[in-house]
Amino acid sequence: MKKLLKSKMKDIPEAEQEKMLNAIEKNPDFFQNIASEVQAKMKEGKDQMTATMEVMQKHQDELKKIMNN
């Protein structure tokens, strides 16, 4: 799983990649929920980028807390 995520984040600095991976490992249910919401929006006809941005904006306060820990 880590290798897959790292391959998707290859343009992100190593330190930021580790920070994100740690956040995902510590909060798997939260990130699973985000993935489900993105998939639902994509089924409504939105492209992946738009769906992801909408979901991330919806959860931005929670994301900030998780990423700052």
N, C-alpha and C. Protein backbone atom coordinates (compact mmCIF):
# COMPACT_ATOMS: atom_id res chain seq x y z
N MET A 1 0.83 -1.20 0.00
CA MET A 1 0.00 0.00 0.00
C MET A 1 0.86 1.25 0.00
N LYS A 2 1.92 1.24 0.85
CA LYS A 2 2.80 2.40 0.92
C LYS A 2 3.46 2.67 -0.43
N LYS A 3 3.88 1.60 -1.10
CA LYS A 3 4.54 1.77 -2.40
C LYS A 3 3.58 2.39 -3.41
N LEU A 4 2.34 1.96 -3.40
CA LEU A 4 1.34 2.52 -4.30
C LEU A 4 1.14 4.00 -4.03
N LEU A 5 0.97 4.35 -2.76
CA LEU A 5 0.78 5.75 -2.40
C LEU A 5 1.99 6.60 -2.76
N LYS A 6 3.19 6.08 -2.49
CA LYS A 6 4.40 6.82 -2.82
C LYS A 6 4.52 7.04 -4.32
N SER A 7 4.12 6.05 -5.12
CA SER A 7 4.19 6.22 -6.57
C SER A 7 3.22 7.31 -7.05
N LYS A 8 2.10 7.45 -6.36
CA LYS A 8 1.13 8.50 -6.71
C LYS A 8 1.59 9.88 -6.24
N MET A 9 2.50 9.92 -5.27
CA MET A 9 2.97 11.19 -4.71
C MET A 9 4.42 11.48 -5.09
N LYS A 10 4.87 10.98 -6.22
CA LYS A 10 6.27 11.09 -6.58
C LYS A 10 6.76 12.53 -6.75
N ASP A 11 5.86 13.46 -7.01
CA ASP A 11 6.26 14.86 -7.19
C ASP A 11 6.26 15.65 -5.88
N ILE A 12 5.88 15.00 -4.79
CA ILE A 12 5.82 15.64 -3.48
C ILE A 12 7.12 15.34 -2.73
N PRO A 13 7.68 16.33 -2.05
CA PRO A 13 8.92 16.09 -1.29
C PRO A 13 8.78 14.93 -0.31
N GLU A 14 9.88 14.22 -0.09
CA GLU A 14 9.91 13.02 0.75
C GLU A 14 9.33 13.27 2.15
N ALA A 15 9.69 14.39 2.78
CA ALA A 15 9.21 14.70 4.12
C ALA A 15 7.69 14.83 4.14
N GLU A 16 7.14 15.46 3.12
CA GLU A 16 5.68 15.61 3.05
C GLU A 16 5.01 14.27 2.79
N GLN A 17 5.64 13.43 1.97
CA GLN A 17 5.09 12.10 1.72
C GLN A 17 4.98 11.32 3.02
N GLU A 18 6.04 11.35 3.83
CA GLU A 18 6.03 10.63 5.10
C GLU A 18 4.96 11.16 6.04
N LYS A 19 4.81 12.48 6.06
CA LYS A 19 3.79 13.10 6.92
C LYS A 19 2.39 12.62 6.52
N MET A 20 2.15 12.57 5.21
CA MET A 20 0.85 12.13 4.72
C MET A 20 0.63 10.64 5.00
N LEU A 21 1.65 9.83 4.77
CA LEU A 21 1.52 8.39 5.02
C LEU A 21 1.25 8.11 6.49
N ASN A 22 1.93 8.83 7.37
CA ASN A 22 1.70 8.67 8.81
C ASN A 22 0.28 9.06 9.19
N ALA A 23 -0.22 10.14 8.60
CA ALA A 23 -1.59 10.57 8.89
C ALA A 23 -2.59 9.52 8.44
N ILE A 24 -2.36 8.93 7.27
CA ILE A 24 -3.25 7.90 6.76
C ILE A 24 -3.22 6.66 7.65
N GLU A 25 -2.01 6.27 8.08
CA GLU A 25 -1.89 5.10 8.94
C GLU A 25 -2.57 5.30 10.30
N LYS A 26 -2.52 6.51 10.82
CA LYS A 26 -3.11 6.79 12.13
C LYS A 26 -4.62 7.00 12.07
N ASN A 27 -5.15 7.34 10.87
CA ASN A 27 -6.57 7.65 10.72
C ASN A 27 -7.18 6.94 9.51
N PRO A 28 -7.06 5.63 9.43
CA PRO A 28 -7.51 4.93 8.22
C PRO A 28 -9.01 5.07 7.95
N ASP A 29 -9.83 5.09 8.99
CA ASP A 29 -11.28 5.22 8.78
C ASP A 29 -11.65 6.56 8.18
N PHE A 30 -11.01 7.62 8.65
CA PHE A 30 -11.27 8.96 8.12
C PHE A 30 -10.94 9.03 6.63
N PHE A 31 -9.77 8.51 6.26
CA PHE A 31 -9.35 8.57 4.87
C PHE A 31 -10.15 7.61 3.99
N GLN A 32 -10.63 6.52 4.56
CA GLN A 32 -11.52 5.61 3.82
C GLN A 32 -12.84 6.32 3.53
N ASN A 33 -13.32 7.09 4.49
CA ASN A 33 -14.55 7.85 4.32
C ASN A 33 -14.37 8.89 3.20
N ILE A 34 -13.24 9.56 3.18
CA ILE A 34 -12.96 10.54 2.13
C ILE A 34 -12.96 9.85 0.77
N ALA A 35 -12.30 8.71 0.68
CA ALA A 35 -12.25 7.98 -0.60
C ALA A 35 -13.65 7.59 -1.06
N SER A 36 -14.49 7.17 -0.12
CA SER A 36 -15.87 6.78 -0.46
C SER A 36 -16.66 7.98 -0.97
N GLU A 37 -16.48 9.12 -0.32
CA GLU A 37 -17.18 10.33 -0.75
C GLU A 37 -16.72 10.77 -2.14
N VAL A 38 -15.43 10.67 -2.40
CA VAL A 38 -14.91 11.03 -3.73
C VAL A 38 -15.52 10.10 -4.78
N GLN A 39 -15.55 8.81 -4.49
CA GLN A 39 -16.13 7.84 -5.43
C GLN A 39 -17.60 8.16 -5.71
N ALA A 40 -18.34 8.52 -4.68
CA ALA A 40 -19.76 8.85 -4.85
C ALA A 40 -19.93 10.06 -5.76
N LYS A 41 -19.10 11.07 -5.57
CA LYS A 41 -19.19 12.27 -6.42
C LYS A 41 -18.80 11.94 -7.86
N MET A 42 -17.85 11.04 -8.04
CA MET A 42 -17.46 10.64 -9.39
C MET A 42 -18.61 9.89 -10.08
N LYS A 43 -19.36 9.11 -9.31
CA LYS A 43 -20.51 8.40 -9.87
C LYS A 43 -21.61 9.37 -10.29
N GLU A 44 -21.61 10.56 -9.66
CA GLU A 44 -22.57 11.60 -10.03
C GLU A 44 -22.16 12.29 -11.33
N GLY A 45 -20.95 11.98 -11.82
CA GLY A 45 -20.50 12.54 -13.08
C GLY A 45 -19.37 13.55 -12.98
N LYS A 46 -18.87 13.79 -11.78
CA LYS A 46 -17.78 14.74 -11.62
C LYS A 46 -16.45 14.05 -11.90
N ASP A 47 -15.49 14.82 -12.42
CA ASP A 47 -14.17 14.24 -12.65
C ASP A 47 -13.46 14.08 -11.31
N GLN A 48 -12.41 13.27 -11.31
CA GLN A 48 -11.73 12.93 -10.07
C GLN A 48 -11.19 14.15 -9.34
N MET A 49 -10.59 15.07 -10.05
CA MET A 49 -10.00 16.26 -9.42
C MET A 49 -11.08 17.11 -8.75
N THR A 50 -12.18 17.36 -9.44
CA THR A 50 -13.27 18.16 -8.88
C THR A 50 -13.87 17.47 -7.66
N ALA A 51 -14.12 16.18 -7.77
CA ALA A 51 -14.69 15.44 -6.66
C ALA A 51 -13.76 15.47 -5.45
N THR A 52 -12.48 15.27 -5.69
CA THR A 52 -11.51 15.28 -4.59
C THR A 52 -11.45 16.64 -3.93
N MET A 53 -11.40 17.70 -4.71
CA MET A 53 -11.33 19.04 -4.15
C MET A 53 -12.57 19.37 -3.32
N GLU A 54 -13.74 18.98 -3.80
CA GLU A 54 -14.97 19.24 -3.04
C GLU A 54 -14.96 18.51 -1.69
N VAL A 55 -14.55 17.26 -1.71
CA VAL A 55 -14.53 16.48 -0.47
C VAL A 55 -13.47 17.03 0.49
N MET A 56 -12.31 17.38 -0.04
CA MET A 56 -11.24 17.91 0.80
C MET A 56 -11.65 19.24 1.43
N GLN A 57 -12.33 20.08 0.68
CA GLN A 57 -12.80 21.35 1.24
C GLN A 57 -13.82 21.11 2.34
N LYS A 58 -14.68 20.13 2.14
CA LYS A 58 -15.70 19.80 3.13
C LYS A 58 -15.05 19.37 4.46
N HIS A 59 -13.92 18.67 4.36
CA HIS A 59 -13.26 18.13 5.56
C HIS A 59 -11.98 18.88 5.91
N GLN A 60 -11.82 20.10 5.42
CA GLN A 60 -10.54 20.79 5.59
C GLN A 60 -10.15 21.02 7.05
N ASP A 61 -11.09 21.30 7.92
CA ASP A 61 -10.74 21.52 9.34
C ASP A 61 -10.19 20.24 9.97
N GLU A 62 -10.84 19.12 9.69
CA GLU A 62 -10.36 17.84 10.22
C GLU A 62 -8.99 17.50 9.64
N LEU A 63 -8.83 17.75 8.35
CA LEU A 63 -7.54 17.47 7.70
C LEU A 63 -6.42 18.29 8.30
N LYS A 64 -6.69 19.56 8.58
CA LYS A 64 -5.68 20.41 9.20
C LYS A 64 -5.24 19.86 10.55
N LYS A 65 -6.22 19.44 11.35
CA LYS A 65 -5.90 18.87 12.67
C LYS A 65 -5.05 17.62 12.54
N ILE A 66 -5.43 16.75 11.62
CA ILE A 66 -4.69 15.50 11.43
C ILE A 66 -3.28 15.77 10.92
N MET A 67 -3.14 16.67 9.97
CA MET A 67 -1.82 16.93 9.37
C MET A 67 -0.91 17.70 10.30
N ASN A 68 -1.44 18.43 11.26
CA ASN A 68 -0.61 19.20 12.19
C ASN A 68 -0.17 18.40 13.41
N ASN A 69 -0.69 17.20 13.57
CA ASN A 69 -0.29 16.37 14.71
C ASN A 69 1.00 15.67 14.44
